[in-house]
Amino acid sequence: MTPAELARQVRLLELSTRRRVTEVFAGEYSSAFKGRGMEFADVREYQPGDDVRFIDWNVTARSGRPFIKRFVEERELTVMLAVDVSGSLAFGTSGPTDHAAHTSPHRPDEPAWSVLAEGSKRALAAKVCALLAFAAVRAGDRVGLCAFTDRVELSVPARKGSRHALRLVRELLALDATGRGTNPAAAADLLRRTLHRRSLVFFVSDFLAPGASGEASFERALRRIAGGGRAARGHDVVAAAIRDRRDAELVNAGLVRLRDPETGREAVIDTSSSRVRDAYSAAYSRADSALDRAIAGAGLRALRARVTLWTHDEPVHELVGLFHRRER
């Protein structure tokens, strides 16, 4: 991607997401994520009708007169976007050109994150991150980024401000990932080392890892970040599952050559066979159920800690739905 193309992509993404944040997104975000609670401000002399539970007994004893503690809501959150930029996110079949089911939207020798193919999972992930980043800074929160493959590719500490949010978007779009595989533990370990107070972590990935070991890796990563669901030990985690409809089902297109974008392995399958298509859909269902088990294994509830976003749909409505569920 040339500098001019990058600037254009950043500008387009900024314009489209900022408007959504302003119109429908910001209020729901602030209501769903309320900060770290109440913070002590000062004391004042007790007045009739004050809640006696807030009496500051130390000050009262020293002064001989009753005083109560006053608190203010601490709105500021630290929001981290942990984004999977591995090869599988380069796939996508939706958008204006609606790629064929077996077609990857980039050349095999091209870095997986170097172009923003319309309709790809990586394009959707970038849009989701832009929405969340602009909503966070609009609410006065700090936002940072951790992009990973089988290693941490990019880490940007959390800061406030629109310029910082734009920086995150720009660096995410420009990133040429060196790794191809997926190791969510790399991101989880970094976040546990660098986040020193309870934070909100959006884990953005397709969560499609082959085999039991791949599925277990996501559960371990989520558990490590969330601390087993115990607020005193871990962070508030939301799993944002980025999906394409061809992840879930195959179309009948006859003989098709498929290529794993992370391992490079290829196979020819007969998509005209209903048995093949059914087996493919069943494999997706197992992987999707594995994500729910991973969320539960991390001590989280899927209703509050999971949202599924599809390349053929706008992500705003699903994200707002998540925010509403978290308010209950």
C-alpha atoms as a PDB file:
ATOM      1  CA  MET A   1       0.000   0.000   0.000  1.00  0.00           C
ATOM      2  CA  THR A   2       1.474   3.353  -1.027  1.00  0.00           C
ATOM      3  CA  PRO A   3       1.410   6.319   1.389  1.00  0.00           C
ATOM      4  CA  ALA A   4      -1.302   7.953  -0.723  1.00  0.00           C
ATOM      5  CA  GLU A   5      -3.438   4.798  -0.701  1.00  0.00           C
ATOM      6  CA  LEU A   6      -2.946   4.444   3.048  1.00  0.00           C
ATOM      7  CA  ALA A   7      -3.978   8.062   3.656  1.00  0.00           C
ATOM      8  CA  ARG A   8      -7.088   7.522   1.546  1.00  0.00           C
ATOM      9  CA  GLN A   9      -8.042   4.337   3.414  1.00  0.00           C
ATOM     10  CA  VAL A  10      -7.554   6.022   6.783  1.00  0.00           C
ATOM     11  CA  ARG A  11      -9.631   9.010   5.701  1.00  0.00           C
ATOM     12  CA  LEU A  12     -12.457   6.857   4.343  1.00  0.00           C
ATOM     13  CA  LEU A  13     -12.524   4.741   7.482  1.00  0.00           C
ATOM     14  CA  GLU A  14     -12.431   7.822   9.697  1.00  0.00           C
ATOM     15  CA  LEU A  15     -15.328   9.497   7.879  1.00  0.00           C
ATOM     16  CA  SER A  16     -17.544   6.414   7.876  1.00  0.00           C
ATOM     17  CA  THR A  17     -16.925   5.408  11.485  1.00  0.00           C
ATOM     18  CA  ARG A  18     -16.884   8.855  13.108  1.00  0.00           C
ATOM     19  CA  ARG A  19     -20.374   9.571  11.780  1.00  0.00           C
ATOM     20  CA  ARG A  20     -21.660   6.264  13.140  1.00  0.00           C
ATOM     21  CA  VAL A  21     -20.047   6.925  16.503  1.00  0.00           C
ATOM     22  CA  THR A  22     -21.617  10.382  16.691  1.00  0.00           C
ATOM     23  CA  GLU A  23     -25.072   9.311  15.543  1.00  0.00           C
ATOM     24  CA  VAL A  24     -25.766   5.972  17.220  1.00  0.00           C
ATOM     25  CA  PHE A  25     -22.749   4.572  18.980  1.00  0.00           C
ATOM     26  CA  ALA A  26     -21.265   6.849  21.618  1.00  0.00           C
ATOM     27  CA  GLY A  27     -24.143   6.903  24.110  1.00  0.00           C
ATOM     28  CA  GLU A  28     -24.552   3.132  24.136  1.00  0.00           C
ATOM     29  CA  TYR A  29     -20.814   2.656  24.583  1.00  0.00           C
ATOM     30  CA  SER A  30     -20.691   4.997  27.593  1.00  0.00           C
ATOM     31  CA  SER A  31     -23.712   3.328  29.204  1.00  0.00           C
ATOM     32  CA  ALA A  32     -22.352  -0.187  28.715  1.00  0.00           C
ATOM     33  CA  PHE A  33     -18.839   0.552  29.959  1.00  0.00           C
ATOM     34  CA  LYS A  34     -19.076   2.814  32.973  1.00  0.00           C
ATOM     35  CA  GLY A  35     -15.495   3.110  34.124  1.00  0.00           C
ATOM     36  CA  ARG A  36     -13.948   1.814  37.312  1.00  0.00           C
ATOM     37  CA  GLY A  37     -16.641   3.000  39.726  1.00  0.00           C
ATOM     38  CA  MET A  38     -16.510   5.670  42.398  1.00  0.00           C
ATOM     39  CA  GLU A  39     -13.305   7.355  43.494  1.00  0.00           C
ATOM     40  CA  PHE A  40     -12.784   9.163  46.807  1.00  0.00           C
ATOM     41  CA  ALA A  41     -12.777  12.969  46.367  1.00  0.00           C
ATOM     42  CA  ASP A  42     -12.802  14.638  49.810  1.00  0.00           C
ATOM     43  CA  VAL A  43     -14.762  14.916  53.053  1.00  0.00           C
ATOM     44  CA  ARG A  44     -17.364  17.388  54.248  1.00  0.00           C
ATOM     45  CA  GLU A  45     -19.262  17.911  57.464  1.00  0.00           C
ATOM     46  CA  TYR A  46     -22.202  15.595  58.017  1.00  0.00           C
ATOM     47  CA  GLN A  47     -25.675  17.003  57.321  1.00  0.00           C
ATOM     48  CA  PRO A  48     -29.014  15.497  58.364  1.00  0.00           C
ATOM     49  CA  GLY A  49     -30.152  13.018  55.742  1.00  0.00           C
ATOM     50  CA  ASP A  50     -26.633  11.979  54.674  1.00  0.00           C
ATOM     51  CA  ASP A  51     -25.958   8.254  54.386  1.00  0.00           C
ATOM     52  CA  VAL A  52     -24.265   7.219  57.633  1.00  0.00           C
ATOM     53  CA  ARG A  53     -22.421   4.456  55.785  1.00  0.00           C
ATOM     54  CA  PHE A  54     -20.137   7.121  54.328  1.00  0.00           C
ATOM     55  CA  ILE A  55     -19.065   8.637  57.650  1.00  0.00           C
ATOM     56  CA  ASP A  56     -15.286   9.013  57.802  1.00  0.00           C
ATOM     57  CA  TRP A  57     -14.658   7.824  61.347  1.00  0.00           C
ATOM     58  CA  ASN A  58     -11.000   8.869  61.414  1.00  0.00           C
ATOM     59  CA  VAL A  59     -11.743  12.497  60.524  1.00  0.00           C
ATOM     60  CA  THR A  60     -14.781  12.459  62.808  1.00  0.00           C
ATOM     61  CA  ALA A  61     -12.657  11.263  65.740  1.00  0.00           C
ATOM     62  CA  ARG A  62      -9.950  13.886  65.147  1.00  0.00           C
ATOM     63  CA  SER A  63     -12.337  16.816  64.736  1.00  0.00           C
ATOM     64  CA  GLY A  64     -14.996  15.870  67.235  1.00  0.00           C
ATOM     65  CA  ARG A  65     -17.645  16.511  64.556  1.00  0.00           C
ATOM     66  CA  PRO A  66     -19.121  13.993  62.100  1.00  0.00           C
ATOM     67  CA  PHE A  67     -17.729  14.089  58.552  1.00  0.00           C
ATOM     68  CA  ILE A  68     -18.698  12.008  55.520  1.00  0.00           C
ATOM     69  CA  LYS A  69     -16.672  10.932  52.512  1.00  0.00           C
ATOM     70  CA  ARG A  70     -17.539  12.299  49.084  1.00  0.00           C
ATOM     71  CA  PHE A  71     -16.987  10.335  45.901  1.00  0.00           C
ATOM     72  CA  VAL A  72     -16.955  11.087  42.193  1.00  0.00           C
ATOM     73  CA  GLU A  73     -17.501   8.639  39.363  1.00  0.00           C
ATOM     74  CA  GLU A  74     -14.239   7.676  37.717  1.00  0.00           C
ATOM     75  CA  ARG A  75     -15.297   7.535  34.061  1.00  0.00           C
ATOM     76  CA  GLU A  76     -11.931   6.877  32.486  1.00  0.00           C
ATOM     77  CA  LEU A  77     -11.322   3.376  31.163  1.00  0.00           C
ATOM     78  CA  THR A  78      -8.317   1.823  29.545  1.00  0.00           C
ATOM     79  CA  VAL A  79      -9.477   0.038  26.385  1.00  0.00           C
ATOM     80  CA  MET A  80      -7.163  -2.367  24.556  1.00  0.00           C
ATOM     81  CA  LEU A  81      -7.841  -3.704  21.081  1.00  0.00           C
ATOM     82  CA  ALA A  82      -6.193  -7.120  20.724  1.00  0.00           C
ATOM     83  CA  VAL A  83      -6.455  -7.756  16.983  1.00  0.00           C
ATOM     84  CA  ASP A  84      -5.694 -10.979  15.123  1.00  0.00           C
ATOM     85  CA  VAL A  85      -3.869 -10.066  11.889  1.00  0.00           C
ATOM     86  CA  SER A  86      -2.998 -13.632  10.840  1.00  0.00           C
ATOM     87  CA  GLY A  87      -3.462 -15.018   7.345  1.00  0.00           C
ATOM     88  CA  SER A  88      -7.010 -16.298   7.842  1.00  0.00           C
ATOM     89  CA  LEU A  89      -8.298 -12.743   8.317  1.00  0.00           C
ATOM     90  CA  ALA A  90      -7.323 -11.923   4.717  1.00  0.00           C
ATOM     91  CA  PHE A  91     -10.186 -14.094   3.489  1.00  0.00           C
ATOM     92  CA  GLY A  92     -13.559 -12.643   2.569  1.00  0.00           C
ATOM     93  CA  THR A  93     -16.353 -13.174   0.049  1.00  0.00           C
ATOM     94  CA  SER A  94     -18.643 -10.202   0.679  1.00  0.00           C
ATOM     95  CA  GLY A  95     -18.605  -6.669  -0.617  1.00  0.00           C
ATOM     96  CA  PRO A  96     -19.033  -5.094  -4.041  1.00  0.00           C
ATOM     97  CA  THR A  97     -17.092  -7.769  -5.949  1.00  0.00           C
ATOM     98  CA  ASP A  98     -18.274 -10.826  -3.946  1.00  0.00           C
ATOM     99  CA  HIS A  99     -15.217 -13.033  -4.448  1.00  0.00           C
ATOM    100  CA  ALA A 100     -15.689 -16.700  -5.211  1.00  0.00           C
ATOM    101  CA  ALA A 101     -15.727 -19.026  -2.237  1.00  0.00           C
ATOM    102  CA  HIS A 102     -12.241 -20.336  -2.868  1.00  0.00           C
ATOM    103  CA  THR A 103     -10.625 -17.013  -3.756  1.00  0.00           C
ATOM    104  CA  SER A 104      -8.298 -15.173  -1.404  1.00  0.00           C
ATOM    105  CA  PRO A 105      -8.512 -11.343  -1.800  1.00  0.00           C
ATOM    106  CA  HIS A 106      -4.733 -10.996  -2.000  1.00  0.00           C
ATOM    107  CA  ARG A 107      -1.880 -12.670  -3.864  1.00  0.00           C
ATOM    108  CA  PRO A 108      -0.182 -15.567  -2.008  1.00  0.00           C
ATOM    109  CA  ASP A 109       3.115 -13.660  -1.971  1.00  0.00           C
ATOM    110  CA  GLU A 110       1.574 -10.452  -0.646  1.00  0.00           C
ATOM    111  CA  PRO A 111       1.637  -9.593   3.090  1.00  0.00           C
ATOM    112  CA  ALA A 112      -1.698 -10.530   4.594  1.00  0.00           C
ATOM    113  CA  TRP A 113      -2.452  -7.127   6.100  1.00  0.00           C
ATOM    114  CA  SER A 114      -0.922  -4.903   3.435  1.00  0.00           C
ATOM    115  CA  VAL A 115      -4.140  -4.212   1.549  1.00  0.00           C
ATOM    116  CA  LEU A 116      -7.643  -3.562   2.821  1.00  0.00           C
ATOM    117  CA  ALA A 117      -9.761  -5.721   0.517  1.00  0.00           C
ATOM    118  CA  GLU A 118     -13.382  -4.666   0.687  1.00  0.00           C
ATOM    119  CA  GLY A 119     -15.443  -7.499   2.151  1.00  0.00           C
ATOM    120  CA  SER A 120     -12.520  -9.292   3.791  1.00  0.00           C
ATOM    121  CA  LYS A 121     -12.444 -10.183   7.453  1.00  0.00           C
ATOM    122  CA  ARG A 122      -9.443  -7.920   7.946  1.00  0.00           C
ATOM    123  CA  ALA A 123     -11.437  -4.986   6.506  1.00  0.00           C
ATOM    124  CA  LEU A 124     -14.231  -5.681   8.974  1.00  0.00           C
ATOM    125  CA  ALA A 125     -11.750  -6.013  11.855  1.00  0.00           C
ATOM    126  CA  ALA A 126     -10.252  -2.630  10.947  1.00  0.00           C
ATOM    127  CA  LYS A 127     -13.696  -1.031  10.847  1.00  0.00           C
ATOM    128  CA  VAL A 128     -14.652  -2.533  14.208  1.00  0.00           C
ATOM    129  CA  CYS A 129     -11.419  -1.271  15.752  1.00  0.00           C
ATOM    130  CA  ALA A 130     -12.009   2.204  14.315  1.00  0.00           C
ATOM    131  CA  LEU A 131     -15.540   2.305  15.734  1.00  0.00           C
ATOM    132  CA  LEU A 132     -14.367   1.211  19.172  1.00  0.00           C
ATOM    133  CA  ALA A 133     -11.352   3.539  19.175  1.00  0.00           C
ATOM    134  CA  PHE A 134     -13.360   6.636  18.237  1.00  0.00           C
ATOM    135  CA  ALA A 135     -16.117   5.744  20.724  1.00  0.00           C
ATOM    136  CA  ALA A 136     -13.531   5.286  23.474  1.00  0.00           C
ATOM    137  CA  VAL A 137     -11.773   8.617  22.937  1.00  0.00           C
ATOM    138  CA  ARG A 138     -15.112  10.412  22.587  1.00  0.00           C
ATOM    139  CA  ALA A 139     -16.021   9.086  26.051  1.00  0.00           C
ATOM    140  CA  GLY A 140     -12.690  10.295  27.456  1.00  0.00           C
ATOM    141  CA  ASP A 141     -11.195   6.813  27.670  1.00  0.00           C
ATOM    142  CA  ARG A 142      -7.702   5.727  26.747  1.00  0.00           C
ATOM    143  CA  VAL A 143      -7.316   3.234  23.917  1.00  0.00           C
ATOM    144  CA  GLY A 144      -4.388   1.096  22.787  1.00  0.00           C
ATOM    145  CA  LEU A 145      -3.617  -1.634  20.277  1.00  0.00           C
ATOM    146  CA  CYS A 146      -1.993  -5.066  20.286  1.00  0.00           C
ATOM    147  CA  ALA A 147      -1.886  -6.738  16.857  1.00  0.00           C
ATOM    148  CA  PHE A 148      -0.779 -10.369  16.764  1.00  0.00           C
ATOM    149  CA  THR A 149      -0.235 -13.407  14.563  1.00  0.00           C
ATOM    150  CA  ASP A 150       1.866 -16.193  16.043  1.00  0.00           C
ATOM    151  CA  ARG A 151       3.749 -13.330  17.694  1.00  0.00           C
ATOM    152  CA  VAL A 152       3.018  -9.744  18.699  1.00  0.00           C
ATOM    153  CA  GLU A 153       3.336  -7.719  15.487  1.00  0.00           C
ATOM    154  CA  LEU A 154       2.540  -4.283  16.890  1.00  0.00           C
ATOM    155  CA  SER A 155       1.900  -2.798  20.317  1.00  0.00           C
ATOM    156  CA  VAL A 156       0.716   0.775  20.887  1.00  0.00           C
ATOM    157  CA  PRO A 157       0.185   1.923  24.504  1.00  0.00           C
ATOM    158  CA  ALA A 158      -3.219   3.299  25.445  1.00  0.00           C
ATOM    159  CA  ARG A 159      -3.649   7.060  25.264  1.00  0.00           C
ATOM    160  CA  LYS A 160      -6.460   9.587  24.913  1.00  0.00           C
ATOM    161  CA  GLY A 161      -7.462  11.792  22.028  1.00  0.00           C
ATOM    162  CA  SER A 162      -8.711  11.672  18.459  1.00  0.00           C
ATOM    163  CA  ARG A 163      -5.234  11.999  16.988  1.00  0.00           C
ATOM    164  CA  HIS A 164      -4.171   8.910  18.893  1.00  0.00           C
ATOM    165  CA  ALA A 165      -7.238   6.977  17.681  1.00  0.00           C
ATOM    166  CA  LEU A 166      -6.336   7.937  14.112  1.00  0.00           C
ATOM    167  CA  ARG A 167      -2.801   6.724  14.716  1.00  0.00           C
ATOM    168  CA  LEU A 168      -4.111   3.315  15.779  1.00  0.00           C
ATOM    169  CA  VAL A 169      -6.241   3.034  12.655  1.00  0.00           C
ATOM    170  CA  ARG A 170      -3.383   4.135  10.405  1.00  0.00           C
ATOM    171  CA  GLU A 171      -0.881   1.713  11.921  1.00  0.00           C
ATOM    172  CA  LEU A 172      -3.347  -1.162  11.763  1.00  0.00           C
ATOM    173  CA  LEU A 173      -4.028  -0.552   8.079  1.00  0.00           C
ATOM    174  CA  ALA A 174      -0.337  -0.136   7.244  1.00  0.00           C
ATOM    175  CA  LEU A 175       0.871  -3.173   9.163  1.00  0.00           C
ATOM    176  CA  ASP A 176       2.659  -5.856   7.139  1.00  0.00           C
ATOM    177  CA  ALA A 177       2.508  -8.875   9.420  1.00  0.00           C
ATOM    178  CA  THR A 178       5.582 -11.097   9.369  1.00  0.00           C
ATOM    179  CA  GLY A 179       3.868 -14.106  10.951  1.00  0.00           C
ATOM    180  CA  ARG A 180       1.196 -16.236   9.314  1.00  0.00           C
ATOM    181  CA  GLY A 181      -0.012 -18.489  12.101  1.00  0.00           C
ATOM    182  CA  THR A 182      -2.159 -17.680  15.122  1.00  0.00           C
ATOM    183  CA  ASN A 183      -0.935 -17.708  18.719  1.00  0.00           C
ATOM    184  CA  PRO A 184      -3.303 -15.697  20.938  1.00  0.00           C
ATOM    185  CA  ALA A 185      -1.125 -16.430  23.977  1.00  0.00           C
ATOM    186  CA  ALA A 186       1.423 -13.932  22.649  1.00  0.00           C
ATOM    187  CA  ALA A 187      -1.129 -11.123  22.939  1.00  0.00           C
ATOM    188  CA  ALA A 188      -2.476 -12.384  26.265  1.00  0.00           C
ATOM    189  CA  ASP A 189       0.982 -12.470  27.837  1.00  0.00           C
ATOM    190  CA  LEU A 190       1.762  -8.936  26.667  1.00  0.00           C
ATOM    191  CA  LEU A 191      -1.515  -7.552  27.998  1.00  0.00           C
ATOM    192  CA  ARG A 192      -1.055  -9.210  31.384  1.00  0.00           C
ATOM    193  CA  ARG A 193       2.437  -7.720  31.653  1.00  0.00           C
ATOM    194  CA  THR A 194       1.582  -4.196  30.542  1.00  0.00           C
ATOM    195  CA  LEU A 195      -1.930  -3.509  31.872  1.00  0.00           C
ATOM    196  CA  HIS A 196      -1.442  -2.612  35.514  1.00  0.00           C
ATOM    197  CA  ARG A 197      -5.045  -1.814  36.348  1.00  0.00           C
ATOM    198  CA  ARG A 198      -8.313  -3.450  35.366  1.00  0.00           C
ATOM    199  CA  SER A 199      -9.015  -2.661  31.717  1.00  0.00           C
ATOM    200  CA  LEU A 200     -11.488  -3.456  28.961  1.00  0.00           C
ATOM    201  CA  VAL A 201     -10.033  -5.755  26.291  1.00  0.00           C
ATOM    202  CA  PHE A 202     -11.728  -6.332  22.936  1.00  0.00           C
ATOM    203  CA  PHE A 203     -10.270  -9.542  21.495  1.00  0.00           C
ATOM    204  CA  VAL A 204     -10.898  -9.248  17.744  1.00  0.00           C
ATOM    205  CA  SER A 205     -10.350 -12.480  15.785  1.00  0.00           C
ATOM    206  CA  ASP A 206     -12.138 -15.051  13.653  1.00  0.00           C
ATOM    207  CA  PHE A 207     -11.378 -17.592  16.438  1.00  0.00           C
ATOM    208  CA  LEU A 208     -11.062 -20.296  13.798  1.00  0.00           C
ATOM    209  CA  ALA A 209      -8.057 -22.407  14.717  1.00  0.00           C
ATOM    210  CA  PRO A 210      -7.695 -25.983  13.439  1.00  0.00           C
ATOM    211  CA  GLY A 211      -7.909 -28.881  15.853  1.00  0.00           C
ATOM    212  CA  ALA A 212      -8.327 -29.177  19.587  1.00  0.00           C
ATOM    213  CA  SER A 213      -4.981 -27.505  20.288  1.00  0.00           C
ATOM    214  CA  GLY A 214      -6.001 -24.411  18.328  1.00  0.00           C
ATOM    215  CA  GLU A 215      -9.315 -24.163  20.132  1.00  0.00           C
ATOM    216  CA  ALA A 216      -7.615 -24.633  23.504  1.00  0.00           C
ATOM    217  CA  SER A 217      -5.161 -21.829  22.722  1.00  0.00           C
ATOM    218  CA  PHE A 218      -7.994 -19.297  22.567  1.00  0.00           C
ATOM    219  CA  GLU A 219      -9.462 -20.540  25.847  1.00  0.00           C
ATOM    220  CA  ARG A 220      -6.084 -20.220  27.581  1.00  0.00           C
ATOM    221  CA  ALA A 221      -5.602 -16.720  26.179  1.00  0.00           C
ATOM    222  CA  LEU A 222      -9.053 -15.517  27.233  1.00  0.00           C
ATOM    223  CA  ARG A 223      -8.646 -17.076  30.681  1.00  0.00           C
ATOM    224  CA  ARG A 224      -5.268 -15.422  31.128  1.00  0.00           C
ATOM    225  CA  ILE A 225      -6.600 -11.986  30.230  1.00  0.00           C
ATOM    226  CA  ALA A 226      -9.819 -12.347  32.230  1.00  0.00           C
ATOM    227  CA  GLY A 227      -8.151 -13.922  35.260  1.00  0.00           C
ATOM    228  CA  GLY A 228     -10.716 -16.713  35.335  1.00  0.00           C
ATOM    229  CA  GLY A 229     -13.535 -14.171  35.516  1.00  0.00           C
ATOM    230  CA  ARG A 230     -12.428 -12.788  38.883  1.00  0.00           C
ATOM    231  CA  ALA A 231     -12.522  -8.982  38.638  1.00  0.00           C
ATOM    232  CA  ALA A 232      -9.802  -8.550  41.240  1.00  0.00           C
ATOM    233  CA  ARG A 233      -7.351 -10.558  39.144  1.00  0.00           C
ATOM    234  CA  GLY A 234      -8.247  -9.969  35.520  1.00  0.00           C
ATOM    235  CA  HIS A 235      -9.677  -7.675  32.900  1.00  0.00           C
ATOM    236  CA  ASP A 236     -13.107  -7.231  31.366  1.00  0.00           C
ATOM    237  CA  VAL A 237     -12.947  -9.136  28.066  1.00  0.00           C
ATOM    238  CA  VAL A 238     -15.181  -9.084  24.987  1.00  0.00           C
ATOM    239  CA  ALA A 239     -14.604 -11.628  22.207  1.00  0.00           C
ATOM    240  CA  ALA A 240     -15.478 -10.012  18.864  1.00  0.00           C
ATOM    241  CA  ALA A 241     -15.739 -12.909  16.402  1.00  0.00           C
ATOM    242  CA  ILE A 242     -15.096 -11.756  12.821  1.00  0.00           C
ATOM    243  CA  ARG A 243     -16.783 -14.125  10.387  1.00  0.00           C
ATOM    244  CA  ASP A 244     -17.511 -14.557   6.693  1.00  0.00           C
ATOM    245  CA  ARG A 245     -20.500 -16.560   5.510  1.00  0.00           C
ATOM    246  CA  ARG A 246     -18.165 -18.880   3.588  1.00  0.00           C
ATOM    247  CA  ASP A 247     -16.565 -19.748   6.909  1.00  0.00           C
ATOM    248  CA  ALA A 248     -19.889 -21.357   7.765  1.00  0.00           C
ATOM    249  CA  GLU A 249     -21.001 -22.924   4.497  1.00  0.00           C
ATOM    250  CA  LEU A 250     -19.789 -23.797   1.024  1.00  0.00           C
ATOM    251  CA  VAL A 251     -21.580 -23.021  -2.208  1.00  0.00           C
ATOM    252  CA  ASN A 252     -22.044 -25.699  -4.845  1.00  0.00           C
ATOM    253  CA  ALA A 253     -19.271 -24.734  -7.273  1.00  0.00           C
ATOM    254  CA  GLY A 254     -18.012 -28.160  -8.336  1.00  0.00           C
ATOM    255  CA  LEU A 255     -14.332 -28.973  -7.867  1.00  0.00           C
ATOM    256  CA  VAL A 256     -12.607 -26.219  -5.911  1.00  0.00           C
ATOM    257  CA  ARG A 257      -9.005 -25.827  -4.827  1.00  0.00           C
ATOM    258  CA  LEU A 258      -8.762 -24.517  -1.256  1.00  0.00           C
ATOM    259  CA  ARG A 259      -5.638 -23.063   0.303  1.00  0.00           C
ATOM    260  CA  ASP A 260      -4.959 -22.555   4.001  1.00  0.00           C
ATOM    261  CA  PRO A 261      -3.666 -18.954   4.186  1.00  0.00           C
ATOM    262  CA  GLU A 262      -1.672 -19.688   7.344  1.00  0.00           C
ATOM    263  CA  THR A 263       0.021 -22.976   6.453  1.00  0.00           C
ATOM    264  CA  GLY A 264      -0.082 -22.824   2.652  1.00  0.00           C
ATOM    265  CA  ARG A 265      -1.530 -26.333   2.427  1.00  0.00           C
ATOM    266  CA  GLU A 266      -3.885 -26.950  -0.493  1.00  0.00           C
ATOM    267  CA  ALA A 267      -6.658 -29.428  -1.157  1.00  0.00           C
ATOM    268  CA  VAL A 268      -9.149 -30.015  -3.943  1.00  0.00           C
ATOM    269  CA  ILE A 269     -12.686 -30.767  -2.789  1.00  0.00           C
ATOM    270  CA  ASP A 270     -15.938 -31.500  -4.578  1.00  0.00           C
ATOM    271  CA  THR A 271     -18.386 -28.852  -3.386  1.00  0.00           C
ATOM    272  CA  SER A 272     -21.181 -30.441  -5.428  1.00  0.00           C
ATOM    273  CA  SER A 273     -21.236 -33.231  -2.822  1.00  0.00           C
ATOM    274  CA  SER A 274     -23.797 -32.566  -0.093  1.00  0.00           C
ATOM    275  CA  ARG A 275     -21.726 -34.745   2.255  1.00  0.00           C
ATOM    276  CA  VAL A 276     -18.718 -32.470   1.748  1.00  0.00           C
ATOM    277  CA  ARG A 277     -20.783 -29.329   2.285  1.00  0.00           C
ATOM    278  CA  ASP A 278     -22.440 -30.788   5.388  1.00  0.00           C
ATOM    279  CA  ALA A 279     -19.072 -31.820   6.837  1.00  0.00           C
ATOM    280  CA  TYR A 280     -17.724 -28.322   6.201  1.00  0.00           C
ATOM    281  CA  SER A 281     -20.695 -26.699   7.973  1.00  0.00           C
ATOM    282  CA  ALA A 282     -20.395 -29.160  10.857  1.00  0.00           C
ATOM    283  CA  ALA A 283     -16.723 -28.251  11.292  1.00  0.00           C
ATOM    284  CA  TYR A 284     -17.691 -24.580  11.506  1.00  0.00           C
ATOM    285  CA  SER A 285     -20.402 -25.324  14.077  1.00  0.00           C
ATOM    286  CA  ARG A 286     -17.880 -27.198  16.219  1.00  0.00           C
ATOM    287  CA  ALA A 287     -15.453 -24.271  16.040  1.00  0.00           C
ATOM    288  CA  ASP A 288     -18.215 -21.811  16.916  1.00  0.00           C
ATOM    289  CA  SER A 289     -19.272 -23.902  19.909  1.00  0.00           C
ATOM    290  CA  ALA A 290     -15.624 -24.104  20.954  1.00  0.00           C
ATOM    291  CA  LEU A 291     -15.560 -20.308  21.257  1.00  0.00           C
ATOM    292  CA  ASP A 292     -18.549 -20.401  23.614  1.00  0.00           C
ATOM    293  CA  ARG A 293     -16.751 -23.048  25.679  1.00  0.00           C
ATOM    294  CA  ALA A 294     -13.596 -20.931  25.702  1.00  0.00           C
ATOM    295  CA  ILE A 295     -15.564 -17.938  26.970  1.00  0.00           C
ATOM    296  CA  ALA A 296     -17.184 -20.043  29.694  1.00  0.00           C
ATOM    297  CA  GLY A 297     -13.809 -21.577  30.568  1.00  0.00           C
ATOM    298  CA  ALA A 298     -12.451 -18.067  31.094  1.00  0.00           C
ATOM    299  CA  GLY A 299     -15.175 -17.405  33.666  1.00  0.00           C
ATOM    300  CA  LEU A 300     -17.162 -15.130  31.350  1.00  0.00           C
ATOM    301  CA  ARG A 301     -20.753 -15.156  30.115  1.00  0.00           C
ATOM    302  CA  ALA A 302     -21.215 -15.241  26.347  1.00  0.00           C
ATOM    303  CA  LEU A 303     -24.238 -12.934  26.553  1.00  0.00           C
ATOM    304  CA  ARG A 304     -22.002 -10.137  27.844  1.00  0.00           C
ATOM    305  CA  ALA A 305     -18.643 -11.222  26.486  1.00  0.00           C
ATOM    306  CA  ARG A 306     -19.282 -12.240  22.872  1.00  0.00           C
ATOM    307  CA  VAL A 307     -20.411 -10.562  19.689  1.00  0.00           C
ATOM    308  CA  THR A 308     -20.339 -12.117  16.204  1.00  0.00           C
ATOM    309  CA  LEU A 309     -19.766  -9.767  13.275  1.00  0.00           C
ATOM    310  CA  TRP A 310     -20.195 -10.734   9.626  1.00  0.00           C
ATOM    311  CA  THR A 311     -18.481  -9.325   6.559  1.00  0.00           C
ATOM    312  CA  HIS A 312     -21.809  -8.931   4.725  1.00  0.00           C
ATOM    313  CA  ASP A 313     -23.393  -6.866   7.544  1.00  0.00           C
ATOM    314  CA  GLU A 314     -22.701  -3.514   9.147  1.00  0.00           C
ATOM    315  CA  PRO A 315     -21.052  -4.099  12.554  1.00  0.00           C
ATOM    316  CA  VAL A 316     -22.742  -1.158  14.297  1.00  0.00           C
ATOM    317  CA  HIS A 317     -26.049  -2.898  15.035  1.00  0.00           C
ATOM    318  CA  GLU A 318     -24.439  -6.010  16.510  1.00  0.00           C
ATOM    319  CA  LEU A 319     -22.116  -3.909  18.662  1.00  0.00           C
ATOM    320  CA  VAL A 320     -25.010  -1.785  19.935  1.00  0.00           C
ATOM    321  CA  GLY A 321     -26.852  -5.018  20.733  1.00  0.00           C
ATOM    322  CA  LEU A 322     -23.854  -6.138  22.791  1.00  0.00           C
ATOM    323  CA  PHE A 323     -23.817  -2.813  24.636  1.00  0.00           C
ATOM    324  CA  HIS A 324     -27.514  -3.142  25.475  1.00  0.00           C
ATOM    325  CA  ARG A 325     -26.991  -6.681  26.796  1.00  0.00           C
ATOM    326  CA  ARG A 326     -24.230  -5.422  29.068  1.00  0.00           C
ATOM    327  CA  GLU A 327     -26.485  -2.742  30.549  1.00  0.00           C
ATOM    328  CA  ARG A 328     -28.932  -5.342  31.915  1.00  0.00           C
END
